[in-house]
């Protein structure tokens, strides 16, 4: 049974790496970004990943507890 778990984990990681590689190859185009006074070009992959990172940071800064109704 333990042998099956090892193969399952390795196969899962392999599939995730292959899907990530396909994602990277499909998002290599340059996108032009305007932010305040700056205009610059960056690969779409970096734009997606930086947006994800900003969302994670904002999500970590805003406590989830405030979104739940308070019990009295």
PDB file of N, CA and C in Angstrom:
ATOM      1  N   UNK A   1       0.823  -1.198   0.000  1.00  0.00           N
ATOM      2  CA  UNK A   1       0.000   0.000   0.000  1.00  0.00           C
ATOM      3  C   UNK A   1       0.863   1.257   0.000  1.00  0.00           C
ATOM      4  N   UNK A   2       1.955   1.249   0.752  1.00  0.00           N
ATOM      5  CA  UNK A   2       2.844   2.401   0.817  1.00  0.00           C
ATOM      6  C   UNK A   2       3.496   2.666  -0.543  1.00  0.00           C
ATOM      7  N   UNK A   3       3.769   1.601  -1.301  1.00  0.00           N
ATOM      8  CA  UNK A   3       4.363   1.750  -2.620  1.00  0.00           C
ATOM      9  C   UNK A   3       3.414   2.498  -3.548  1.00  0.00           C
ATOM     10  N   UNK A   4       2.116   2.214  -3.443  1.00  0.00           N
ATOM     11  CA  UNK A   4       1.116   2.891  -4.263  1.00  0.00           C
ATOM     12  C   UNK A   4       1.081   4.389  -3.965  1.00  0.00           C
ATOM     13  N   UNK A   5       1.176   4.768  -2.687  1.00  0.00           N
ATOM     14  CA  UNK A   5       1.153   6.186  -2.318  1.00  0.00           C
ATOM     15  C   UNK A   5       2.341   6.924  -2.925  1.00  0.00           C
ATOM     16  N   UNK A   6       3.504   6.281  -2.939  1.00  0.00           N
ATOM     17  CA  UNK A   6       4.691   6.908  -3.516  1.00  0.00           C
ATOM     18  C   UNK A   6       4.533   7.157  -5.001  1.00  0.00           C
ATOM     19  N   UNK A   7       3.981   6.180  -5.718  1.00  0.00           N
ATOM     20  CA  UNK A   7       3.761   6.346  -7.156  1.00  0.00           C
ATOM     21  C   UNK A   7       2.696   7.401  -7.425  1.00  0.00           C
ATOM     22  N   UNK A   8       1.655   7.417  -6.615  1.00  0.00           N
ATOM     23  CA  UNK A   8       0.594   8.402  -6.794  1.00  0.00           C
ATOM     24  C   UNK A   8       1.133   9.812  -6.608  1.00  0.00           C
ATOM     25  N   UNK A   9       1.935  10.007  -5.582  1.00  0.00           N
ATOM     26  CA  UNK A   9       2.503  11.331  -5.299  1.00  0.00           C
ATOM     27  C   UNK A   9       3.433  11.761  -6.431  1.00  0.00           C
ATOM     28  N   UNK A  10       4.283  10.843  -6.886  1.00  0.00           N
ATOM     29  CA  UNK A  10       5.223  11.173  -7.967  1.00  0.00           C
ATOM     30  C   UNK A  10       4.470  11.483  -9.256  1.00  0.00           C
ATOM     31  N   UNK A  11       3.444  10.692  -9.555  1.00  0.00           N
ATOM     32  CA  UNK A  11       2.669  10.936 -10.768  1.00  0.00           C
ATOM     33  C   UNK A  11       1.907  12.256 -10.680  1.00  0.00           C
ATOM     34  N   UNK A  12       1.409  12.589  -9.512  1.00  0.00           N
ATOM     35  CA  UNK A  12       0.713  13.863  -9.326  1.00  0.00           C
ATOM     36  C   UNK A  12       1.663  15.030  -9.561  1.00  0.00           C
ATOM     37  N   UNK A  13       2.857  14.952  -9.002  1.00  0.00           N
ATOM     38  CA  UNK A  13       3.844  16.015  -9.208  1.00  0.00           C
ATOM     39  C   UNK A  13       4.238  16.110 -10.678  1.00  0.00           C
ATOM     40  N   UNK A  14       4.382  14.983 -11.338  1.00  0.00           N
ATOM     41  CA  UNK A  14       4.744  14.979 -12.753  1.00  0.00           C
ATOM     42  C   UNK A  14       3.660  15.660 -13.584  1.00  0.00           C
ATOM     43  N   UNK A  15       2.411  15.333 -13.319  1.00  0.00           N
ATOM     44  CA  UNK A  15       1.304  15.957 -14.052  1.00  0.00           C
ATOM     45  C   UNK A  15       1.275  17.458 -13.793  1.00  0.00           C
ATOM     46  N   UNK A  16       1.478  17.883 -12.546  1.00  0.00           N
ATOM     47  CA  UNK A  16       1.476  19.313 -12.227  1.00  0.00           C
ATOM     48  C   UNK A  16       2.621  20.048 -12.932  1.00  0.00           C
ATOM     49  N   UNK A  17       3.791  19.437 -12.990  1.00  0.00           N
ATOM     50  CA  UNK A  17       4.932  20.058 -13.673  1.00  0.00           C
ATOM     51  C   UNK A  17       4.658  20.174 -15.164  1.00  0.00           C
ATOM     52  N   UNK A  18       4.082  19.150 -15.756  1.00  0.00           N
ATOM     53  CA  UNK A  18       3.767  19.189 -17.185  1.00  0.00           C
ATOM     54  C   UNK A  18       2.720  20.265 -17.466  1.00  0.00           C
ATOM     55  N   UNK A  19       1.684  20.346 -16.635  1.00  0.00           N
ATOM     56  CA  UNK A  19       0.666  21.383 -16.823  1.00  0.00           C
ATOM     57  C   UNK A  19       1.253  22.781 -16.657  1.00  0.00           C
ATOM     58  N   UNK A  20       2.158  22.950 -15.685  1.00  0.00           N
ATOM     59  CA  UNK A  20       2.809  24.248 -15.496  1.00  0.00           C
ATOM     60  C   UNK A  20       3.682  24.592 -16.706  1.00  0.00           C
ATOM     61  N   UNK A  21       4.385  23.604 -17.253  1.00  0.00           N
ATOM     62  CA  UNK A  21       5.221  23.849 -18.438  1.00  0.00           C
ATOM     63  C   UNK A  21       4.365  24.269 -19.628  1.00  0.00           C
ATOM     64  N   UNK A  22       3.223  23.630 -19.812  1.00  0.00           N
ATOM     65  CA  UNK A  22       2.315  24.017 -20.890  1.00  0.00           C
ATOM     66  C   UNK A  22       1.808  25.440 -20.661  1.00  0.00           C
ATOM     67  N   UNK A  23       1.463  25.762 -19.424  1.00  0.00           N
ATOM     68  CA  UNK A  23       1.005  27.107 -19.075  1.00  0.00           C
ATOM     69  C   UNK A  23       2.080  28.142 -19.397  1.00  0.00           C
ATOM     70  N   UNK A  24       3.321  27.845 -19.044  1.00  0.00           N
ATOM     71  CA  UNK A  24       4.428  28.775 -19.302  1.00  0.00           C
ATOM     72  C   UNK A  24       4.615  28.978 -20.798  1.00  0.00           C
ATOM     73  N   UNK A  25       4.606  27.891 -21.555  1.00  0.00           N
ATOM     74  CA  UNK A  25       4.828  27.998 -22.996  1.00  0.00           C
ATOM     75  C   UNK A  25       3.702  28.749 -23.701  1.00  0.00           C
ATOM     76  N   UNK A  26       2.502  28.679 -23.182  1.00  0.00           N
ATOM     77  CA  UNK A  26       1.384  29.370 -23.817  1.00  0.00           C
ATOM     78  C   UNK A  26       1.284  30.836 -23.399  1.00  0.00           C
ATOM     79  N   UNK A  27       2.047  31.257 -22.420  1.00  0.00           N
ATOM     80  CA  UNK A  27       1.947  32.632 -21.919  1.00  0.00           C
ATOM     81  C   UNK A  27       3.283  33.363 -21.978  1.00  0.00           C
ATOM     82  N   UNK A  28       3.980  33.231 -23.077  1.00  0.00           N
ATOM     83  CA  UNK A  28       5.267  33.904 -23.223  1.00  0.00           C
ATOM     84  C   UNK A  28       5.163  35.239 -23.969  1.00  0.00           C
ATOM     85  N   UNK A  29       3.970  35.591 -24.454  1.00  0.00           N
ATOM     86  CA  UNK A  29       3.802  36.834 -25.185  1.00  0.00           C
ATOM     87  C   UNK A  29       4.016  38.027 -24.258  1.00  0.00           C
ATOM     88  N   UNK A  30       4.424  39.120 -24.861  1.00  0.00           N
ATOM     89  CA  UNK A  30       4.594  40.349 -24.087  1.00  0.00           C
ATOM     90  C   UNK A  30       3.265  41.060 -23.965  1.00  0.00           C
ATOM     91  N   UNK A  31       2.981  41.559 -22.789  1.00  0.00           N
ATOM     92  CA  UNK A  31       1.820  42.401 -22.552  1.00  0.00           C
ATOM     93  C   UNK A  31       2.319  43.759 -22.092  1.00  0.00           C
ATOM     94  N   UNK A  32       1.646  44.797 -22.539  1.00  0.00           N
ATOM     95  CA  UNK A  32       2.025  46.149 -22.170  1.00  0.00           C
ATOM     96  C   UNK A  32       1.166  46.597 -21.000  1.00  0.00           C
ATOM     97  N   UNK A  33       1.831  47.103 -19.974  1.00  0.00           N
ATOM     98  CA  UNK A  33       1.163  47.471 -18.734  1.00  0.00           C
ATOM     99  C   UNK A  33       1.363  48.967 -18.505  1.00  0.00           C
ATOM    100  N   UNK A  34       0.268  49.640 -18.167  1.00  0.00           N
ATOM    101  CA  UNK A  34       0.333  51.052 -17.771  1.00  0.00           C
ATOM    102  C   UNK A  34      -0.067  51.129 -16.308  1.00  0.00           C
ATOM    103  N   UNK A  35       0.813  51.704 -15.503  1.00  0.00           N
ATOM    104  CA  UNK A  35       0.549  51.857 -14.080  1.00  0.00           C
ATOM    105  C   UNK A  35       0.999  53.240 -13.654  1.00  0.00           C
ATOM    106  N   UNK A  36       0.038  54.068 -13.287  1.00  0.00           N
ATOM    107  CA  UNK A  36       0.285  55.469 -12.914  1.00  0.00           C
ATOM    108  C   UNK A  36       1.048  56.162 -14.031  1.00  0.00           C
ATOM    109  N   UNK A  37       2.320  56.472 -13.822  1.00  0.00           N
ATOM    110  CA  UNK A  37       3.091  57.207 -14.823  1.00  0.00           C
ATOM    111  C   UNK A  37       4.009  56.306 -15.641  1.00  0.00           C
ATOM    112  N   UNK A  38       3.985  55.017 -15.396  1.00  0.00           N
ATOM    113  CA  UNK A  38       4.898  54.108 -16.060  1.00  0.00           C
ATOM    114  C   UNK A  38       4.174  53.264 -17.094  1.00  0.00           C
ATOM    115  N   UNK A  39       4.857  53.041 -18.198  1.00  0.00           N
ATOM    116  CA  UNK A  39       4.409  52.103 -19.236  1.00  0.00           C
ATOM    117  C   UNK A  39       5.557  51.137 -19.477  1.00  0.00           C
ATOM    118  N   UNK A  40       5.263  49.857 -19.389  1.00  0.00           N
ATOM    119  CA  UNK A  40       6.318  48.877 -19.615  1.00  0.00           C
ATOM    120  C   UNK A  40       5.723  47.589 -20.153  1.00  0.00           C
ATOM    121  N   UNK A  41       6.604  46.768 -20.731  1.00  0.00           N
ATOM    122  CA  UNK A  41       6.191  45.475 -21.269  1.00  0.00           C
ATOM    123  C   UNK A  41       6.793  44.378 -20.402  1.00  0.00           C
ATOM    124  N   UNK A  42       6.015  43.331 -20.215  1.00  0.00           N
ATOM    125  CA  UNK A  42       6.505  42.187 -19.451  1.00  0.00           C
ATOM    126  C   UNK A  42       5.819  40.927 -19.979  1.00  0.00           C
ATOM    127  N   UNK A  43       6.471  39.779 -19.840  1.00  0.00           N
ATOM    128  CA  UNK A  43       5.831  38.537 -20.272  1.00  0.00           C
ATOM    129  C   UNK A  43       4.536  38.296 -19.497  1.00  0.00           C
ATOM    130  N   UNK A  44       3.558  37.753 -20.195  1.00  0.00           N
ATOM    131  CA  UNK A  44       2.249  37.514 -19.589  1.00  0.00           C
ATOM    132  C   UNK A  44       2.354  36.618 -18.360  1.00  0.00           C
ATOM    133  N   UNK A  45       3.257  35.647 -18.397  1.00  0.00           N
ATOM    134  CA  UNK A  45       3.434  34.753 -17.248  1.00  0.00           C
ATOM    135  C   UNK A  45       3.820  35.537 -16.000  1.00  0.00           C
ATOM    136  N   UNK A  46       4.764  36.476 -16.132  1.00  0.00           N
ATOM    137  CA  UNK A  46       5.167  37.282 -14.977  1.00  0.00           C
ATOM    138  C   UNK A  46       4.031  38.173 -14.503  1.00  0.00           C
ATOM    139  N   UNK A  47       3.228  38.661 -15.429  1.00  0.00           N
ATOM    140  CA  UNK A  47       2.079  39.480 -15.054  1.00  0.00           C
ATOM    141  C   UNK A  47       1.071  38.661 -14.242  1.00  0.00           C
ATOM    142  N   UNK A  48       0.796  37.436 -14.685  1.00  0.00           N
ATOM    143  CA  UNK A  48      -0.147  36.575 -13.972  1.00  0.00           C
ATOM    144  C   UNK A  48       0.403  36.205 -12.600  1.00  0.00           C
ATOM    145  N   UNK A  49       1.678  35.817 -12.547  1.00  0.00           N
ATOM    146  CA  UNK A  49       2.269  35.412 -11.266  1.00  0.00           C
ATOM    147  C   UNK A  49       2.388  36.579 -10.295  1.00  0.00           C
ATOM    148  N   UNK A  50       2.720  37.770 -10.799  1.00  0.00           N
ATOM    149  CA  UNK A  50       2.821  38.923  -9.896  1.00  0.00           C
ATOM    150  C   UNK A  50       1.436  39.320  -9.377  1.00  0.00           C
ATOM    151  N   UNK A  51       0.412  39.207 -10.215  1.00  0.00           N
ATOM    152  CA  UNK A  51      -0.944  39.483  -9.754  1.00  0.00           C
ATOM    153  C   UNK A  51      -1.368  38.481  -8.685  1.00  0.00           C
ATOM    154  N   UNK A  52      -1.019  37.219  -8.886  1.00  0.00           N
ATOM    155  CA  UNK A  52      -1.309  36.186  -7.889  1.00  0.00           C
ATOM    156  C   UNK A  52      -0.598  36.484  -6.579  1.00  0.00           C
ATOM    157  N   UNK A  53       0.674  36.865  -6.645  1.00  0.00           N
ATOM    158  CA  UNK A  53       1.441  37.171  -5.447  1.00  0.00           C
ATOM    159  C   UNK A  53       0.854  38.372  -4.700  1.00  0.00           C
ATOM    160  N   UNK A  54       0.463  39.406  -5.432  1.00  0.00           N
ATOM    161  CA  UNK A  54      -0.154  40.566  -4.793  1.00  0.00           C
ATOM    162  C   UNK A  54      -1.453  40.159  -4.110  1.00  0.00           C
ATOM    163  N   UNK A  55      -2.241  39.310  -4.751  1.00  0.00           N
ATOM    164  CA  UNK A  55      -3.482  38.838  -4.146  1.00  0.00           C
ATOM    165  C   UNK A  55      -3.245  38.033  -2.884  1.00  0.00           C
ATOM    166  N   UNK A  56      -2.202  37.208  -2.887  1.00  0.00           N
ATOM    167  CA  UNK A  56      -1.865  36.421  -1.695  1.00  0.00           C
ATOM    168  C   UNK A  56      -1.444  37.339  -0.555  1.00  0.00           C
ATOM    169  N   UNK A  57      -0.639  38.356  -0.853  1.00  0.00           N
ATOM    170  CA  UNK A  57      -0.189  39.288   0.185  1.00  0.00           C
ATOM    171  C   UNK A  57      -1.372  40.060   0.758  1.00  0.00           C
ATOM    172  N   UNK A  58      -2.248  40.543  -0.107  1.00  0.00           N
ATOM    173  CA  UNK A  58      -3.423  41.274   0.387  1.00  0.00           C
ATOM    174  C   UNK A  58      -4.311  40.344   1.210  1.00  0.00           C
ATOM    175  N   UNK A  59      -4.484  39.120   0.751  1.00  0.00           N
ATOM    176  CA  UNK A  59      -5.282  38.162   1.501  1.00  0.00           C
ATOM    177  C   UNK A  59      -4.697  37.839   2.859  1.00  0.00           C
ATOM    178  N   UNK A  60      -3.370  37.839   2.953  1.00  0.00           N
ATOM    179  CA  UNK A  60      -2.723  37.570   4.237  1.00  0.00           C
ATOM    180  C   UNK A  60      -2.836  38.773   5.175  1.00  0.00           C
ATOM    181  N   UNK A  61      -2.906  39.971   4.618  1.00  0.00           N
ATOM    182  CA  UNK A  61      -2.988  41.169   5.445  1.00  0.00           C
ATOM    183  C   UNK A  61      -4.390  41.412   5.992  1.00  0.00           C
ATOM    184  N   UNK A  62      -5.395  40.954   5.272  1.00  0.00           N
ATOM    185  CA  UNK A  62      -6.778  41.141   5.714  1.00  0.00           C
ATOM    186  C   UNK A  62      -7.202  39.882   6.462  1.00  0.00           C
ATOM    187  N   UNK A  63      -7.390  39.980   7.757  1.00  0.00           N
ATOM    188  CA  UNK A  63      -7.767  38.776   8.517  1.00  0.00           C
ATOM    189  C   UNK A  63      -9.138  38.253   8.097  1.00  0.00           C
ATOM    190  N   UNK A  64      -9.225  36.956   7.931  1.00  0.00           N
ATOM    191  CA  UNK A  64     -10.475  36.311   7.545  1.00  0.00           C
ATOM    192  C   UNK A  64     -11.515  36.435   8.644  1.00  0.00           C
ATOM    193  N   UNK A  65     -11.059  36.571   9.862  1.00  0.00           N
ATOM    194  CA  UNK A  65     -11.956  36.632  11.008  1.00  0.00           C
ATOM    195  C   UNK A  65     -12.893  37.844  10.930  1.00  0.00           C
ATOM    196  N   UNK A  66     -12.452  38.939  10.336  1.00  0.00           N
ATOM    197  CA  UNK A  66     -13.280  40.137  10.230  1.00  0.00           C
ATOM    198  C   UNK A  66     -14.453  39.930   9.283  1.00  0.00           C
ATOM    199  N   UNK A  67     -14.346  38.988   8.367  1.00  0.00           N
ATOM    200  CA  UNK A  67     -15.401  38.752   7.399  1.00  0.00           C
ATOM    201  C   UNK A  67     -16.546  37.929   7.979  1.00  0.00           C
ATOM    202  N   UNK A  68     -16.289  37.218   9.054  1.00  0.00           N
ATOM    203  CA  UNK A  68     -17.313  36.384   9.668  1.00  0.00           C
ATOM    204  C   UNK A  68     -18.173  37.205  10.611  1.00  0.00           C
ATOM    205  N   UNK A  69     -19.467  36.875  10.692  1.00  0.00           N
ATOM    206  CA  UNK A  69     -20.313  37.620  11.646  1.00  0.00           C
ATOM    207  C   UNK A  69     -19.889  37.334  13.083  1.00  0.00           C
ATOM    208  N   UNK A  70     -19.908  38.364  13.901  1.00  0.00           N
ATOM    209  CA  UNK A  70     -19.484  38.243  15.293  1.00  0.00           C
ATOM    210  C   UNK A  70     -20.643  37.720  16.143  1.00  0.00           C
ATOM    211  N   UNK A  71     -20.356  36.754  17.003  1.00  0.00           N
ATOM    212  CA  UNK A  71     -21.367  36.233  17.921  1.00  0.00           C
ATOM    213  C   UNK A  71     -21.315  37.055  19.205  1.00  0.00           C
ATOM    214  N   UNK A  72     -22.485  37.341  19.757  1.00  0.00           N
ATOM    215  CA  UNK A  72     -22.534  38.152  20.983  1.00  0.00           C
ATOM    216  C   UNK A  72     -22.876  37.290  22.164  1.00  0.00           C
TER     217      UNK A  72
END
